[in-house]
PDB file of all heavy atoms in Angstrom:
ATOM      1  N   MET A   1      51.649  -7.767   8.459  1.00  0.00           N
ATOM      2  CA  MET A   1      51.591  -9.152   8.901  1.00  0.00           C
ATOM      3  C   MET A   1      51.524 -10.057   7.677  1.00  0.00           C
ATOM      4  O   MET A   1      50.547 -10.013   6.923  1.00  0.00           O
ATOM      5  CB  MET A   1      50.382  -9.384   9.808  1.00  0.00           C
ATOM      6  CG  MET A   1      50.330  -8.442  11.009  1.00  0.00           C
ATOM      7  SD  MET A   1      48.967  -8.822  12.143  1.00  0.00           S
ATOM      8  CE  MET A   1      47.570  -8.461  11.075  1.00  0.00           C
ATOM      9  N   ASN A   2      52.553 -10.858   7.485  1.00  0.00           N
ATOM     10  CA  ASN A   2      52.629 -11.783   6.367  1.00  0.00           C
ATOM     11  C   ASN A   2      52.611 -13.221   6.862  1.00  0.00           C
ATOM     12  O   ASN A   2      52.932 -13.497   8.016  1.00  0.00           O
ATOM     13  CB  ASN A   2      53.897 -11.539   5.555  1.00  0.00           C
ATOM     14  CG  ASN A   2      53.952 -10.172   4.929  1.00  0.00           C
ATOM     15  OD1 ASN A   2      52.928  -9.615   4.534  1.00  0.00           O
ATOM     16  ND2 ASN A   2      55.160  -9.618   4.828  1.00  0.00           N
ATOM     17  N   ASN A   3      52.266 -14.128   5.966  1.00  0.00           N
ATOM     18  CA  ASN A   3      52.213 -15.555   6.302  1.00  0.00           C
ATOM     19  C   ASN A   3      51.439 -15.791   7.593  1.00  0.00           C
ATOM     20  O   ASN A   3      51.902 -16.469   8.509  1.00  0.00           O
ATOM     21  CB  ASN A   3      53.629 -16.121   6.410  1.00  0.00           C
ATOM     22  CG  ASN A   3      53.651 -17.637   6.478  1.00  0.00           C
ATOM     23  OD1 ASN A   3      52.717 -18.303   6.034  1.00  0.00           O
ATOM     24  ND2 ASN A   3      54.708 -18.184   7.057  1.00  0.00           N
ATOM     25  N   LEU A   4      50.257 -15.241   7.652  1.00  0.00           N
ATOM     26  CA  LEU A   4      49.445 -15.342   8.856  1.00  0.00           C
ATOM     27  C   LEU A   4      49.034 -16.783   9.137  1.00  0.00           C
ATOM     28  O   LEU A   4      48.798 -17.568   8.217  1.00  0.00           O
ATOM     29  CB  LEU A   4      48.214 -14.461   8.728  1.00  0.00           C
ATOM     30  CG  LEU A   4      48.490 -12.973   8.934  1.00  0.00           C
ATOM     31  CD1 LEU A   4      47.372 -12.130   8.341  1.00  0.00           C
ATOM     32  CD2 LEU A   4      48.658 -12.671  10.423  1.00  0.00           C
ATOM     33  N   LYS A   5      48.958 -17.094  10.419  1.00  0.00           N
ATOM     34  CA  LYS A   5      48.593 -18.422  10.890  1.00  0.00           C
ATOM     35  C   LYS A   5      47.345 -18.331  11.763  1.00  0.00           C
ATOM     36  O   LYS A   5      47.063 -17.284  12.324  1.00  0.00           O
ATOM     37  CB  LYS A   5      49.747 -19.022  11.700  1.00  0.00           C
ATOM     38  CG  LYS A   5      51.061 -19.085  10.952  1.00  0.00           C
ATOM     39  CD  LYS A   5      52.187 -19.568  11.854  1.00  0.00           C
ATOM     40  CE  LYS A   5      53.500 -19.624  11.103  1.00  0.00           C
ATOM     41  NZ  LYS A   5      54.615 -20.082  11.967  1.00  0.00           N
ATOM     42  N   PRO A   6      46.599 -19.431  11.907  1.00  0.00           N
ATOM     43  CA  PRO A   6      45.425 -19.387  12.785  1.00  0.00           C
ATOM     44  C   PRO A   6      45.756 -18.922  14.196  1.00  0.00           C
ATOM     45  O   PRO A   6      44.928 -18.263  14.836  1.00  0.00           O
ATOM     46  CB  PRO A   6      44.935 -20.837  12.771  1.00  0.00           C
ATOM     47  CG  PRO A   6      45.334 -21.337  11.423  1.00  0.00           C
ATOM     48  CD  PRO A   6      46.670 -20.706  11.161  1.00  0.00           C
ATOM     49  N   GLY A   7      46.956 -19.229  14.695  1.00  0.00           N
ATOM     50  CA  GLY A   7      47.365 -18.789  16.012  1.00  0.00           C
ATOM     51  C   GLY A   7      47.535 -17.288  16.146  1.00  0.00           C
ATOM     52  O   GLY A   7      47.660 -16.789  17.267  1.00  0.00           O
ATOM     53  N   ASP A   8      47.540 -16.570  15.032  1.00  0.00           N
ATOM     54  CA  ASP A   8      47.613 -15.118  15.071  1.00  0.00           C
ATOM     55  C   ASP A   8      46.257 -14.474  15.318  1.00  0.00           C
ATOM     56  O   ASP A   8      46.172 -13.257  15.489  1.00  0.00           O
ATOM     57  CB  ASP A   8      48.189 -14.573  13.759  1.00  0.00           C
ATOM     58  CG  ASP A   8      49.613 -15.020  13.511  1.00  0.00           C
ATOM     59  OD1 ASP A   8      50.417 -15.025  14.474  1.00  0.00           O
ATOM     60  OD2 ASP A   8      49.934 -15.359  12.358  1.00  0.00           O
ATOM     61  N   THR A   9      45.194 -15.251  15.311  1.00  0.00           N
ATOM     62  CA  THR A   9      43.858 -14.721  15.531  1.00  0.00           C
ATOM     63  C   THR A   9      43.768 -14.083  16.913  1.00  0.00           C
ATOM     64  O   THR A   9      44.057 -14.727  17.925  1.00  0.00           O
ATOM     65  CB  THR A   9      42.809 -15.825  15.393  1.00  0.00           C
ATOM     66  OG1 THR A   9      42.798 -16.311  14.049  1.00  0.00           O
ATOM     67  CG2 THR A   9      41.421 -15.308  15.747  1.00  0.00           C
ATOM     68  N   ALA A  10      43.378 -12.818  16.956  1.00  0.00           N
ATOM     69  CA  ALA A  10      43.308 -12.070  18.208  1.00  0.00           C
ATOM     70  C   ALA A  10      42.808 -10.668  17.914  1.00  0.00           C
ATOM     71  O   ALA A  10      42.715 -10.253  16.761  1.00  0.00           O
ATOM     72  CB  ALA A  10      44.684 -11.997  18.876  1.00  0.00           C
ATOM     73  N   VAL A  11      42.495  -9.943  18.978  1.00  0.00           N
ATOM     74  CA  VAL A  11      42.307  -8.511  18.873  1.00  0.00           C
ATOM     75  C   VAL A  11      43.679  -7.869  19.019  1.00  0.00           C
ATOM     76  O   VAL A  11      44.399  -8.145  19.982  1.00  0.00           O
ATOM     77  CB  VAL A  11      41.347  -7.969  19.949  1.00  0.00           C
ATOM     78  CG1 VAL A  11      41.258  -6.446  19.872  1.00  0.00           C
ATOM     79  CG2 VAL A  11      39.967  -8.591  19.782  1.00  0.00           C
ATOM     80  N   TYR A  12      44.038  -7.026  18.073  1.00  0.00           N
ATOM     81  CA  TYR A  12      45.338  -6.367  18.080  1.00  0.00           C
ATOM     82  C   TYR A  12      45.188  -4.936  18.562  1.00  0.00           C
ATOM     83  O   TYR A  12      44.337  -4.189  18.086  1.00  0.00           O
ATOM     84  CB  TYR A  12      45.954  -6.395  16.679  1.00  0.00           C
ATOM     85  CG  TYR A  12      46.538  -7.742  16.333  1.00  0.00           C
ATOM     86  CD1 TYR A  12      45.711  -8.830  16.099  1.00  0.00           C
ATOM     87  CD2 TYR A  12      47.917  -7.930  16.265  1.00  0.00           C
ATOM     88  CE1 TYR A  12      46.237 -10.078  15.808  1.00  0.00           C
ATOM     89  CE2 TYR A  12      48.453  -9.171  15.970  1.00  0.00           C
ATOM     90  CZ  TYR A  12      47.611 -10.241  15.744  1.00  0.00           C
ATOM     91  OH  TYR A  12      48.141 -11.473  15.449  1.00  0.00           O
ATOM     92  N   TYR A  13      46.049  -4.558  19.515  1.00  0.00           N
ATOM     93  CA  TYR A  13      46.026  -3.236  20.115  1.00  0.00           C
ATOM     94  C   TYR A  13      47.340  -2.517  19.863  1.00  0.00           C
ATOM     95  O   TYR A  13      48.407  -3.120  19.980  1.00  0.00           O
ATOM     96  CB  TYR A  13      45.837  -3.333  21.637  1.00  0.00           C
ATOM     97  CG  TYR A  13      44.563  -4.006  22.088  1.00  0.00           C
ATOM     98  CD1 TYR A  13      44.520  -5.377  22.293  1.00  0.00           C
ATOM     99  CD2 TYR A  13      43.417  -3.259  22.332  1.00  0.00           C
ATOM    100  CE1 TYR A  13      43.360  -5.993  22.724  1.00  0.00           C
ATOM    101  CE2 TYR A  13      42.254  -3.873  22.765  1.00  0.00           C
ATOM    102  CZ  TYR A  13      42.232  -5.240  22.957  1.00  0.00           C
ATOM    103  OH  TYR A  13      41.076  -5.841  23.392  1.00  0.00           O
ATOM    104  N   CYS A  14      47.270  -1.237  19.562  1.00  0.00           N
ATOM    105  CA  CYS A  14      48.477  -0.430  19.589  1.00  0.00           C
ATOM    106  C   CYS A  14      48.552   0.291  20.928  1.00  0.00           C
ATOM    107  O   CYS A  14      47.536   0.528  21.590  1.00  0.00           O
ATOM    108  CB  CYS A  14      48.556   0.554  18.420  1.00  0.00           C
ATOM    109  SG  CYS A  14      47.336   1.876  18.407  1.00  0.00           S
ATOM    110  N   ALA A  15      49.763   0.614  21.340  1.00  0.00           N
ATOM    111  CA  ALA A  15      50.000   1.224  22.638  1.00  0.00           C
ATOM    112  C   ALA A  15      51.131   2.238  22.541  1.00  0.00           C
ATOM    113  O   ALA A  15      51.962   2.175  21.628  1.00  0.00           O
ATOM    114  CB  ALA A  15      50.350   0.148  23.672  1.00  0.00           C
ATOM    115  N   ALA A  16      51.159   3.166  23.490  1.00  0.00           N
ATOM    116  CA  ALA A  16      52.193   4.191  23.555  1.00  0.00           C
ATOM    117  C   ALA A  16      52.734   4.282  24.971  1.00  0.00           C
ATOM    118  O   ALA A  16      51.987   4.135  25.944  1.00  0.00           O
ATOM    119  CB  ALA A  16      51.640   5.545  23.119  1.00  0.00           C
ATOM    120  N   ASN A  17      54.038   4.544  25.079  1.00  0.00           N
ATOM    121  CA  ASN A  17      54.666   4.620  26.387  1.00  0.00           C
ATOM    122  C   ASN A  17      55.975   5.388  26.297  1.00  0.00           C
ATOM    123  O   ASN A  17      56.617   5.428  25.243  1.00  0.00           O
ATOM    124  CB  ASN A  17      54.932   3.218  26.931  1.00  0.00           C
ATOM    125  CG  ASN A  17      55.006   3.173  28.447  1.00  0.00           C
ATOM    126  OD1 ASN A  17      54.160   3.730  29.132  1.00  0.00           O
ATOM    127  ND2 ASN A  17      56.029   2.494  28.966  1.00  0.00           N
ATOM    128  N   ALA A  18      56.399   5.974  27.413  1.00  0.00           N
ATOM    129  CA  ALA A  18      57.667   6.685  27.457  1.00  0.00           C
ATOM    130  C   ALA A  18      58.851   5.726  27.432  1.00  0.00           C
ATOM    131  O   ALA A  18      59.935   6.096  27.000  1.00  0.00           O
ATOM    132  CB  ALA A  18      57.730   7.572  28.696  1.00  0.00           C
ATOM    133  N   VAL A  19      58.657   4.503  27.917  1.00  0.00           N
ATOM    134  CA  VAL A  19      59.688   3.481  27.934  1.00  0.00           C
ATOM    135  C   VAL A  19      59.138   2.228  27.277  1.00  0.00           C
ATOM    136  O   VAL A  19      58.028   1.801  27.582  1.00  0.00           O
ATOM    137  CB  VAL A  19      60.147   3.165  29.369  1.00  0.00           C
ATOM    138  CG1 VAL A  19      61.188   2.051  29.364  1.00  0.00           C
ATOM    139  CG2 VAL A  19      60.699   4.409  30.050  1.00  0.00           C
ATOM    140  N   ALA A  20      59.904   1.630  26.384  1.00  0.00           N
ATOM    141  CA  ALA A  20      59.466   0.425  25.686  1.00  0.00           C
ATOM    142  C   ALA A  20      59.735  -0.813  26.531  1.00  0.00           C
ATOM    143  O   ALA A  20      60.815  -0.971  27.106  1.00  0.00           O
ATOM    144  CB  ALA A  20      60.178   0.313  24.345  1.00  0.00           C
ATOM    145  N   THR A  21      58.751  -1.697  26.594  1.00  0.00           N
ATOM    146  CA  THR A  21      58.867  -2.939  27.341  1.00  0.00           C
ATOM    147  C   THR A  21      57.963  -3.981  26.708  1.00  0.00           C
ATOM    148  O   THR A  21      56.970  -3.646  26.058  1.00  0.00           O
ATOM    149  CB  THR A  21      58.480  -2.730  28.822  1.00  0.00           C
ATOM    150  OG1 THR A  21      58.416  -3.989  29.493  1.00  0.00           O
ATOM    151  CG2 THR A  21      57.123  -2.053  28.940  1.00  0.00           C
ATOM    152  N   VAL A  22      58.279  -5.251  26.920  1.00  0.00           N
ATOM    153  CA  VAL A  22      57.451  -6.332  26.395  1.00  0.00           C
ATOM    154  C   VAL A  22      56.252  -6.618  27.286  1.00  0.00           C
ATOM    155  O   VAL A  22      55.369  -7.381  26.902  1.00  0.00           O
ATOM    156  CB  VAL A  22      58.266  -7.625  26.198  1.00  0.00           C
ATOM    157  CG1 VAL A  22      59.437  -7.392  25.263  1.00  0.00           C
ATOM    158  CG2 VAL A  22      58.764  -8.167  27.540  1.00  0.00           C
ATOM    159  N   HIS A  23      56.197  -6.013  28.461  1.00  0.00           N
ATOM    160  CA  HIS A  23      55.131  -6.286  29.417  1.00  0.00           C
ATOM    161  C   HIS A  23      53.972  -5.320  29.210  1.00  0.00           C
ATOM    162  O   HIS A  23      54.126  -4.117  29.411  1.00  0.00           O
ATOM    163  CB  HIS A  23      55.655  -6.179  30.843  1.00  0.00           C
ATOM    164  CG  HIS A  23      56.812  -7.081  31.131  1.00  0.00           C
ATOM    165  ND1 HIS A  23      56.699  -8.454  31.105  1.00  0.00           N
ATOM    166  CD2 HIS A  23      58.106  -6.817  31.426  1.00  0.00           C
ATOM    167  CE1 HIS A  23      57.878  -9.001  31.382  1.00  0.00           C
ATOM    168  NE2 HIS A  23      58.741  -8.023  31.581  1.00  0.00           N
ATOM    169  N   PRO A  24      52.796  -5.810  28.835  1.00  0.00           N
ATOM    170  CA  PRO A  24      51.678  -4.907  28.543  1.00  0.00           C
ATOM    171  C   PRO A  24      51.240  -4.080  29.737  1.00  0.00           C
ATOM    172  O   PRO A  24      50.735  -2.963  29.544  1.00  0.00           O
ATOM    173  CB  PRO A  24      50.560  -5.856  28.080  1.00  0.00           C
ATOM    174  CG  PRO A  24      50.939  -7.202  28.626  1.00  0.00           C
ATOM    175  CD  PRO A  24      52.437  -7.226  28.612  1.00  0.00           C
ATOM    176  N   GLY A  25      51.435  -4.569  30.950  1.00  0.00           N
ATOM    177  CA  GLY A  25      50.984  -3.844  32.123  1.00  0.00           C
ATOM    178  C   GLY A  25      51.679  -2.521  32.346  1.00  0.00           C
ATOM    179  O   GLY A  25      51.177  -1.690  33.114  1.00  0.00           O
ATOM    180  N   TYR A  26      52.804  -2.302  31.703  1.00  0.00           N
ATOM    181  CA  TYR A  26      53.557  -1.071  31.907  1.00  0.00           C
ATOM    182  C   TYR A  26      53.279  -0.004  30.865  1.00  0.00           C
ATOM    183  O   TYR A  26      53.795   1.109  30.979  1.00  0.00           O
ATOM    184  CB  TYR A  26      55.050  -1.371  31.942  1.00  0.00           C
ATOM    185  CG  TYR A  26      55.478  -2.156  33.166  1.00  0.00           C
ATOM    186  CD1 TYR A  26      55.768  -3.508  33.076  1.00  0.00           C
ATOM    187  CD2 TYR A  26      55.573  -1.540  34.403  1.00  0.00           C
ATOM    188  CE1 TYR A  26      56.160  -4.234  34.189  1.00  0.00           C
ATOM    189  CE2 TYR A  26      55.963  -2.260  35.519  1.00  0.00           C
ATOM    190  CZ  TYR A  26      56.254  -3.604  35.404  1.00  0.00           C
ATOM    191  OH  TYR A  26      56.638  -4.320  36.519  1.00  0.00           O
ATOM    192  N   TRP A  27      52.481  -0.307  29.854  1.00  0.00           N
ATOM    193  CA  TRP A  27      52.185   0.680  28.816  1.00  0.00           C
ATOM    194  C   TRP A  27      51.043   1.586  29.254  1.00  0.00           C
ATOM    195  O   TRP A  27      50.073   1.127  29.866  1.00  0.00           O
ATOM    196  CB  TRP A  27      51.859  -0.017  27.489  1.00  0.00           C
ATOM    197  CG  TRP A  27      53.082  -0.635  26.894  1.00  0.00           C
ATOM    198  CD1 TRP A  27      53.734  -1.756  27.310  1.00  0.00           C
ATOM    199  CD2 TRP A  27      53.818  -0.155  25.772  1.00  0.00           C
ATOM    200  NE1 TRP A  27      54.831  -2.000  26.533  1.00  0.00           N
ATOM    201  CE2 TRP A  27      54.910  -1.036  25.571  1.00  0.00           C
ATOM    202  CE3 TRP A  27      53.669   0.939  24.906  1.00  0.00           C
ATOM    203  CZ2 TRP A  27      55.840  -0.859  24.540  1.00  0.00           C
ATOM    204  CZ3 TRP A  27      54.588   1.119  23.887  1.00  0.00           C
ATOM    205  CH2 TRP A  27      55.657   0.229  23.716  1.00  0.00           C
TER     206      TRP A  27
END
């Protein structure tokens, strides 16, 4: 993560799934 901004403040989670999707509910 470069050029970090205040809006990047969060808890960051890694996830694994058989199919990649942008929707967190499917991981």
